[in-house]
Every structure is written in structure tokens, then in C-alpha cells.
Amino acid sequence: MIDKIQNLLSNYRPDFTGAQKPPLHRAAVLILLYMVDREMGIVLIRRSDDVGLHRGQMGFPGGMVEPGDNGELLSTALREVEEELRVDPAHIRIMGRMSDRNTMVSGILVTPFVGLIPFPYAFSPDTREIQSVHATALRELIGTSGKAKDTFELPTPIYILDGQPVWGLTARILTELIEVLRPVLK
């Protein structure tokens, strides 16, 4: 199964021209996938209510490019997942990359990477930045999209994870990932 996922992601050609306007800033996120009994899972975080641009929202670990990243977006994503969740980058197998996407309001161009981690993993979230960590089967998350439209008054697509809406940029990235991995999600 992992080889099939790797093949799908390796052959996928993300859209690097997705920026609707010139970005004010660059950022990168890491989509953390895991396998349990041939079932693919995904990890999302709920951001703290106190810090950052997207307070209280569900999302992927990640953040802004910093000078120490030397402009390397993958370095940014790996640094952020280590800072936010204490995931050792050596434990992550980078599987691919999704399309660059602009945030709707803040003018940030975000590059999503996909990585596979061992599971269960002993996450140790930075409580200043992260309120909670949520792991679920990707198939279960997909099944919430129809219910979410009736539950939350947010722009679609919307998914529900542990009672929280997954929407906006995160939901758009998630929808693209689901389309790419659809052959192994049947």
C-alpha cells in the first residue's frame, strides 16, 4: 500500500502557478499520513486560541519561511513540524508535494508536502501554538464532508474532525490529496 501511495504522489504534478496574486509571504505545511492495518490515517492539529494567524482552526503543522530555512520550503515544513509537535524529521518519509495555494485573506502562498510517519507517534505539542492533535482514518474524514455542509456555515469544502470544522485552505489541500490518492482509498 505504501508503495502505491508513493507511486501516486511521485507521478502527481502539482500546480505551481496556483497563486492568484503575488504572495506577501511564503509558508509550508506538512500533511502527516500514517498506516495502521492497511488503513491510511492523517494527522491534523487545532491551533491555539492565543498565537498565530489562524487561531483555533484545524490545520496541518507548518508555518512561515524563516531566514534559517534558506528559502527551502521543505526545510520550513520539517522545522515547523518539529517545533509544533516534536516530530523528529528523521522519522518522516517525504512522499510528495501538493499544489501551492494562496490563503484567501492574508496573502500567504502555502506549499504543502506529504510525509509518512510511524504510528502511533508520541507527539509532544507545543501548547503555546497547538491546542490539540487529531489523528483519524482518512476514509472517515472523507465521509464527514456531506454532514459538514449541513452543520457549519462556512465556504465548502468542509470536513469534520472530532466535532471541529476543517475548512478553508486546509480543506482545499485535503480535497486535492483525496483526489490524488483516490485509487488507494476505494
C-alpha atoms as a PDB file:
ATOM      1  CA  MET A   1       0.000   0.000   0.000  1.00  0.00           C
ATOM      2  CA  ILE A   2       2.800   2.438   0.891  1.00  0.00           C
ATOM      3  CA  ASP A   3       4.453   1.789  -2.480  1.00  0.00           C
ATOM      4  CA  LYS A   4       1.150   2.556  -4.256  1.00  0.00           C
ATOM      5  CA  ILE A   5       0.797   5.821  -2.315  1.00  0.00           C
ATOM      6  CA  GLN A   6       4.411   6.732  -3.097  1.00  0.00           C
ATOM      7  CA  ASN A   7       3.827   5.988  -6.777  1.00  0.00           C
ATOM      8  CA  LEU A   8       0.661   8.127  -6.932  1.00  0.00           C
ATOM      9  CA  LEU A   9       2.355  11.056  -5.225  1.00  0.00           C
ATOM     10  CA  SER A  10       5.592  10.715  -7.232  1.00  0.00           C
ATOM     11  CA  ASN A  11       3.662  10.789 -10.506  1.00  0.00           C
ATOM     12  CA  TYR A  12       1.410  13.678  -9.466  1.00  0.00           C
ATOM     13  CA  ARG A  13       2.275  17.043 -10.986  1.00  0.00           C
ATOM     14  CA  PRO A  14       1.168  19.804  -8.598  1.00  0.00           C
ATOM     15  CA  ASP A  15       0.133  23.201  -9.885  1.00  0.00           C
ATOM     16  CA  PHE A  16       2.906  25.648  -9.014  1.00  0.00           C
ATOM     17  CA  THR A  17       1.109  28.527 -10.720  1.00  0.00           C
ATOM     18  CA  GLY A  18      -1.836  28.478  -8.297  1.00  0.00           C
ATOM     19  CA  ALA A  19      -1.045  31.876  -6.849  1.00  0.00           C
ATOM     20  CA  GLN A  20      -3.935  34.186  -7.636  1.00  0.00           C
ATOM     21  CA  LYS A  21      -1.900  37.251  -6.681  1.00  0.00           C
ATOM     22  CA  PRO A  22       1.750  37.821  -5.809  1.00  0.00           C
ATOM     23  CA  PRO A  23       2.313  36.455  -2.291  1.00  0.00           C
ATOM     24  CA  LEU A  24       3.266  38.757   0.548  1.00  0.00           C
ATOM     25  CA  HIS A  25       4.833  35.794   2.355  1.00  0.00           C
ATOM     26  CA  ARG A  26       5.719  32.127   1.803  1.00  0.00           C
ATOM     27  CA  ALA A  27       4.838  29.252   4.099  1.00  0.00           C
ATOM     28  CA  ALA A  28       4.911  25.456   4.045  1.00  0.00           C
ATOM     29  CA  VAL A  29       2.854  22.758   5.754  1.00  0.00           C
ATOM     30  CA  LEU A  30       3.361  19.036   6.183  1.00  0.00           C
ATOM     31  CA  ILE A  31       0.495  16.606   5.649  1.00  0.00           C
ATOM     32  CA  LEU A  32       1.295  13.745   8.019  1.00  0.00           C
ATOM     33  CA  LEU A  33      -0.024  10.373   6.869  1.00  0.00           C
ATOM     34  CA  TYR A  34       0.318   7.038   8.657  1.00  0.00           C
ATOM     35  CA  MET A  35      -0.688   3.436   8.061  1.00  0.00           C
ATOM     36  CA  VAL A  36      -2.486   1.135  10.505  1.00  0.00           C
ATOM     37  CA  ASP A  37      -3.615  -2.293   9.276  1.00  0.00           C
ATOM     38  CA  ARG A  38      -3.645  -1.197   5.620  1.00  0.00           C
ATOM     39  CA  GLU A  39      -5.794   1.815   6.547  1.00  0.00           C
ATOM     40  CA  MET A  40      -4.415   5.268   5.788  1.00  0.00           C
ATOM     41  CA  GLY A  41      -4.640   7.838   8.542  1.00  0.00           C
ATOM     42  CA  ILE A  42      -3.992  11.554   8.678  1.00  0.00           C
ATOM     43  CA  VAL A  43      -2.916  13.921  11.448  1.00  0.00           C
ATOM     44  CA  LEU A  44      -4.272  17.432  11.854  1.00  0.00           C
ATOM     45  CA  ILE A  45      -3.771  19.964  14.602  1.00  0.00           C
ATOM     46  CA  ARG A  46      -6.015  22.516  16.214  1.00  0.00           C
ATOM     47  CA  ARG A  47      -4.136  25.768  16.588  1.00  0.00           C
ATOM     48  CA  SER A  48      -4.068  27.543  19.917  1.00  0.00           C
ATOM     49  CA  ASP A  49      -6.522  30.358  20.545  1.00  0.00           C
ATOM     50  CA  ASP A  50      -3.621  32.588  21.608  1.00  0.00           C
ATOM     51  CA  VAL A  51      -0.941  32.593  18.878  1.00  0.00           C
ATOM     52  CA  GLY A  52      -0.774  32.954  15.118  1.00  0.00           C
ATOM     53  CA  LEU A  53      -2.914  33.990  12.193  1.00  0.00           C
ATOM     54  CA  HIS A  54      -5.325  31.054  12.232  1.00  0.00           C
ATOM     55  CA  ARG A  55      -6.167  30.852  15.939  1.00  0.00           C
ATOM     56  CA  GLY A  56      -8.400  27.964  16.965  1.00  0.00           C
ATOM     57  CA  GLN A  57      -8.573  26.493  13.460  1.00  0.00           C
ATOM     58  CA  MET A  58      -7.890  22.920  12.386  1.00  0.00           C
ATOM     59  CA  GLY A  59      -4.946  22.566  10.032  1.00  0.00           C
ATOM     60  CA  PHE A  60      -1.690  20.909   9.144  1.00  0.00           C
ATOM     61  CA  PRO A  61       1.511  21.601  11.054  1.00  0.00           C
ATOM     62  CA  GLY A  62       3.520  24.291   9.317  1.00  0.00           C
ATOM     63  CA  GLY A  63       4.278  27.960   9.160  1.00  0.00           C
ATOM     64  CA  MET A  64       6.160  30.856   7.647  1.00  0.00           C
ATOM     65  CA  VAL A  65       9.550  30.624   5.970  1.00  0.00           C
ATOM     66  CA  GLU A  66      12.249  31.956   8.302  1.00  0.00           C
ATOM     67  CA  PRO A  67      15.769  33.161   7.426  1.00  0.00           C
ATOM     68  CA  GLY A  68      17.369  29.943   8.773  1.00  0.00           C
ATOM     69  CA  ASP A  69      15.359  27.926   6.219  1.00  0.00           C
ATOM     70  CA  ASN A  70      17.417  29.495   3.386  1.00  0.00           C
ATOM     71  CA  GLY A  71      14.264  29.736   1.276  1.00  0.00           C
ATOM     72  CA  GLU A  72      13.852  25.938   1.273  1.00  0.00           C
ATOM     73  CA  LEU A  73      10.144  25.221   1.667  1.00  0.00           C
ATOM     74  CA  LEU A  74      10.637  21.586   2.685  1.00  0.00           C
ATOM     75  CA  SER A  75      13.063  22.754   5.391  1.00  0.00           C
ATOM     76  CA  THR A  76      10.355  25.116   6.615  1.00  0.00           C
ATOM     77  CA  ALA A  77       7.754  22.327   6.797  1.00  0.00           C
ATOM     78  CA  LEU A  78      10.133  19.958   8.627  1.00  0.00           C
ATOM     79  CA  ARG A  79      11.271  22.658  11.065  1.00  0.00           C
ATOM     80  CA  GLU A  80       7.687  23.607  11.854  1.00  0.00           C
ATOM     81  CA  VAL A  81       6.503  20.023  12.466  1.00  0.00           C
ATOM     82  CA  GLU A  82       9.465  19.540  14.794  1.00  0.00           C
ATOM     83  CA  GLU A  83       8.730  22.796  16.665  1.00  0.00           C
ATOM     84  CA  GLU A  84       4.969  22.318  16.863  1.00  0.00           C
ATOM     85  CA  LEU A  85       4.691  18.557  17.503  1.00  0.00           C
ATOM     86  CA  ARG A  86       8.259  17.451  18.353  1.00  0.00           C
ATOM     87  CA  VAL A  87       8.275  15.055  15.392  1.00  0.00           C
ATOM     88  CA  ASP A  88      11.858  14.130  14.521  1.00  0.00           C
ATOM     89  CA  PRO A  89      12.382  14.870  10.795  1.00  0.00           C
ATOM     90  CA  ALA A  90      14.364  11.610  10.571  1.00  0.00           C
ATOM     91  CA  HIS A  91      11.080   9.785  11.297  1.00  0.00           C
ATOM     92  CA  ILE A  92       9.312  11.338   8.295  1.00  0.00           C
ATOM     93  CA  ARG A  93       9.399   9.789   4.829  1.00  0.00           C
ATOM     94  CA  ILE A  94       8.643  12.573   2.356  1.00  0.00           C
ATOM     95  CA  MET A  95       6.233  11.158  -0.216  1.00  0.00           C
ATOM     96  CA  GLY A  96       5.433  14.150  -2.409  1.00  0.00           C
ATOM     97  CA  ARG A  97       4.098  17.639  -2.759  1.00  0.00           C
ATOM     98  CA  MET A  98       0.683  19.156  -3.426  1.00  0.00           C
ATOM     99  CA  SER A  99      -0.162  22.356  -5.318  1.00  0.00           C
ATOM    100  CA  ASP A 100       0.823  25.761  -3.997  1.00  0.00           C
ATOM    101  CA  ARG A 101      -2.196  27.658  -2.693  1.00  0.00           C
ATOM    102  CA  ASN A 102      -2.892  31.209  -1.575  1.00  0.00           C
ATOM    103  CA  THR A 103      -4.633  31.906   1.686  1.00  0.00           C
ATOM    104  CA  MET A 104      -7.816  33.827   0.997  1.00  0.00           C
ATOM    105  CA  VAL A 105      -7.193  36.789   3.258  1.00  0.00           C
ATOM    106  CA  SER A 106      -3.603  37.027   4.474  1.00  0.00           C
ATOM    107  CA  GLY A 107      -1.762  36.862   1.125  1.00  0.00           C
ATOM    108  CA  ILE A 108       0.403  33.877   2.061  1.00  0.00           C
ATOM    109  CA  LEU A 109       1.430  31.347  -0.584  1.00  0.00           C
ATOM    110  CA  VAL A 110       1.480  27.919   1.084  1.00  0.00           C
ATOM    111  CA  THR A 111       3.330  24.862  -0.220  1.00  0.00           C
ATOM    112  CA  PRO A 112       2.044  21.530   1.174  1.00  0.00           C
ATOM    113  CA  PHE A 113       4.312  18.480   1.420  1.00  0.00           C
ATOM    114  CA  VAL A 114       3.164  14.939   2.194  1.00  0.00           C
ATOM    115  CA  GLY A 115       5.069  12.778   4.665  1.00  0.00           C
ATOM    116  CA  LEU A 116       4.590   9.329   6.163  1.00  0.00           C
ATOM    117  CA  ILE A 117       5.258   8.803   9.867  1.00  0.00           C
ATOM    118  CA  PRO A 118       5.283   5.702  12.062  1.00  0.00           C
ATOM    119  CA  PHE A 119       2.143   5.313  14.138  1.00  0.00           C
ATOM    120  CA  PRO A 120       1.363   5.561  16.930  1.00  0.00           C
ATOM    121  CA  TYR A 121       3.718   8.501  17.382  1.00  0.00           C
ATOM    122  CA  ALA A 122       4.497  10.191  20.686  1.00  0.00           C
ATOM    123  CA  PHE A 123       3.528  13.731  19.716  1.00  0.00           C
ATOM    124  CA  SER A 124       4.534  16.391  22.217  1.00  0.00           C
ATOM    125  CA  PRO A 125       2.719  19.531  21.053  1.00  0.00           C
ATOM    126  CA  ASP A 126       3.985  23.000  21.860  1.00  0.00           C
ATOM    127  CA  THR A 127       0.982  24.114  23.922  1.00  0.00           C
ATOM    128  CA  ARG A 128       1.676  27.760  23.129  1.00  0.00           C
ATOM    129  CA  GLU A 129       0.941  27.079  19.447  1.00  0.00           C
ATOM    130  CA  ILE A 130      -1.085  23.852  19.408  1.00  0.00           C
ATOM    131  CA  GLN A 131      -4.299  23.230  21.343  1.00  0.00           C
ATOM    132  CA  SER A 132      -4.715  19.577  20.292  1.00  0.00           C
ATOM    133  CA  VAL A 133      -3.555  16.839  17.909  1.00  0.00           C
ATOM    134  CA  HIS A 134      -6.118  14.806  15.953  1.00  0.00           C
ATOM    135  CA  ALA A 135      -5.434  11.535  14.141  1.00  0.00           C
ATOM    136  CA  THR A 136      -8.116   9.751  12.139  1.00  0.00           C
ATOM    137  CA  ALA A 137      -8.581   7.364   9.253  1.00  0.00           C
ATOM    138  CA  LEU A 138      -8.610   9.359   6.037  1.00  0.00           C
ATOM    139  CA  ARG A 139     -11.665   7.401   4.869  1.00  0.00           C
ATOM    140  CA  GLU A 140     -13.617   8.502   7.967  1.00  0.00           C
ATOM    141  CA  LEU A 141     -12.680  12.131   7.413  1.00  0.00           C
ATOM    142  CA  ILE A 142     -13.838  11.934   3.792  1.00  0.00           C
ATOM    143  CA  GLY A 143     -17.205  10.604   4.994  1.00  0.00           C
ATOM    144  CA  THR A 144     -17.856  13.764   7.033  1.00  0.00           C
ATOM    145  CA  SER A 145     -17.909  16.175   4.094  1.00  0.00           C
ATOM    146  CA  GLY A 146     -21.643  15.793   3.353  1.00  0.00           C
ATOM    147  CA  LYS A 147     -22.591  16.254   7.007  1.00  0.00           C
ATOM    148  CA  ALA A 148     -20.326  19.285   7.356  1.00  0.00           C
ATOM    149  CA  LYS A 149     -22.216  21.283   4.721  1.00  0.00           C
ATOM    150  CA  ASP A 150     -25.368  20.955   6.815  1.00  0.00           C
ATOM    151  CA  THR A 151     -23.637  21.681  10.130  1.00  0.00           C
ATOM    152  CA  PHE A 152     -21.388  24.700   9.547  1.00  0.00           C
ATOM    153  CA  GLU A 153     -21.966  27.936   7.671  1.00  0.00           C
ATOM    154  CA  LEU A 154     -18.518  28.066   6.093  1.00  0.00           C
ATOM    155  CA  PRO A 155     -17.332  28.018   2.488  1.00  0.00           C
ATOM    156  CA  THR A 156     -17.059  24.499   1.070  1.00  0.00           C
ATOM    157  CA  PRO A 157     -15.329  22.121   1.076  1.00  0.00           C
ATOM    158  CA  ILE A 158     -15.726  21.346   4.778  1.00  0.00           C
ATOM    159  CA  TYR A 159     -14.847  18.210   6.735  1.00  0.00           C
ATOM    160  CA  ILE A 160     -15.477  17.464  10.411  1.00  0.00           C
ATOM    161  CA  LEU A 161     -12.830  16.061  12.744  1.00  0.00           C
ATOM    162  CA  ASP A 162     -13.645  15.485  16.405  1.00  0.00           C
ATOM    163  CA  GLY A 163     -16.553  17.912  16.161  1.00  0.00           C
ATOM    164  CA  GLN A 164     -14.411  20.696  14.658  1.00  0.00           C
ATOM    165  CA  PRO A 165     -14.738  22.034  11.105  1.00  0.00           C
ATOM    166  CA  VAL A 166     -11.803  21.574   8.750  1.00  0.00           C
ATOM    167  CA  TRP A 167     -12.284  24.307   6.174  1.00  0.00           C
ATOM    168  CA  GLY A 168     -10.581  26.957   4.079  1.00  0.00           C
ATOM    169  CA  LEU A 169      -7.061  26.308   2.827  1.00  0.00           C
ATOM    170  CA  THR A 170      -6.727  23.087   4.834  1.00  0.00           C
ATOM    171  CA  ALA A 171      -9.908  21.649   3.315  1.00  0.00           C
ATOM    172  CA  ARG A 172      -8.827  22.636  -0.211  1.00  0.00           C
ATOM    173  CA  ILE A 173      -5.444  20.917   0.286  1.00  0.00           C
ATOM    174  CA  LEU A 174      -7.183  17.882   1.781  1.00  0.00           C
ATOM    175  CA  THR A 175      -9.572  17.668  -1.184  1.00  0.00           C
ATOM    176  CA  GLU A 176      -6.634  17.711  -3.619  1.00  0.00           C
ATOM    177  CA  LEU A 177      -4.869  14.969  -1.617  1.00  0.00           C
ATOM    178  CA  ILE A 178      -8.025  12.828  -1.643  1.00  0.00           C
ATOM    179  CA  GLU A 179      -8.307  13.182  -5.437  1.00  0.00           C
ATOM    180  CA  VAL A 180      -4.676  12.116  -5.917  1.00  0.00           C
ATOM    181  CA  LEU A 181      -4.995   9.139  -3.553  1.00  0.00           C
ATOM    182  CA  ARG A 182      -8.482   8.085  -4.683  1.00  0.00           C
ATOM    183  CA  PRO A 183      -7.189   4.850  -6.359  1.00  0.00           C
ATOM    184  CA  VAL A 184      -5.954   3.535  -2.977  1.00  0.00           C
ATOM    185  CA  LEU A 185      -8.896   4.849  -0.956  1.00  0.00           C
ATOM    186  CA  LYS A 186     -11.505   2.595  -2.615  1.00  0.00           C
END
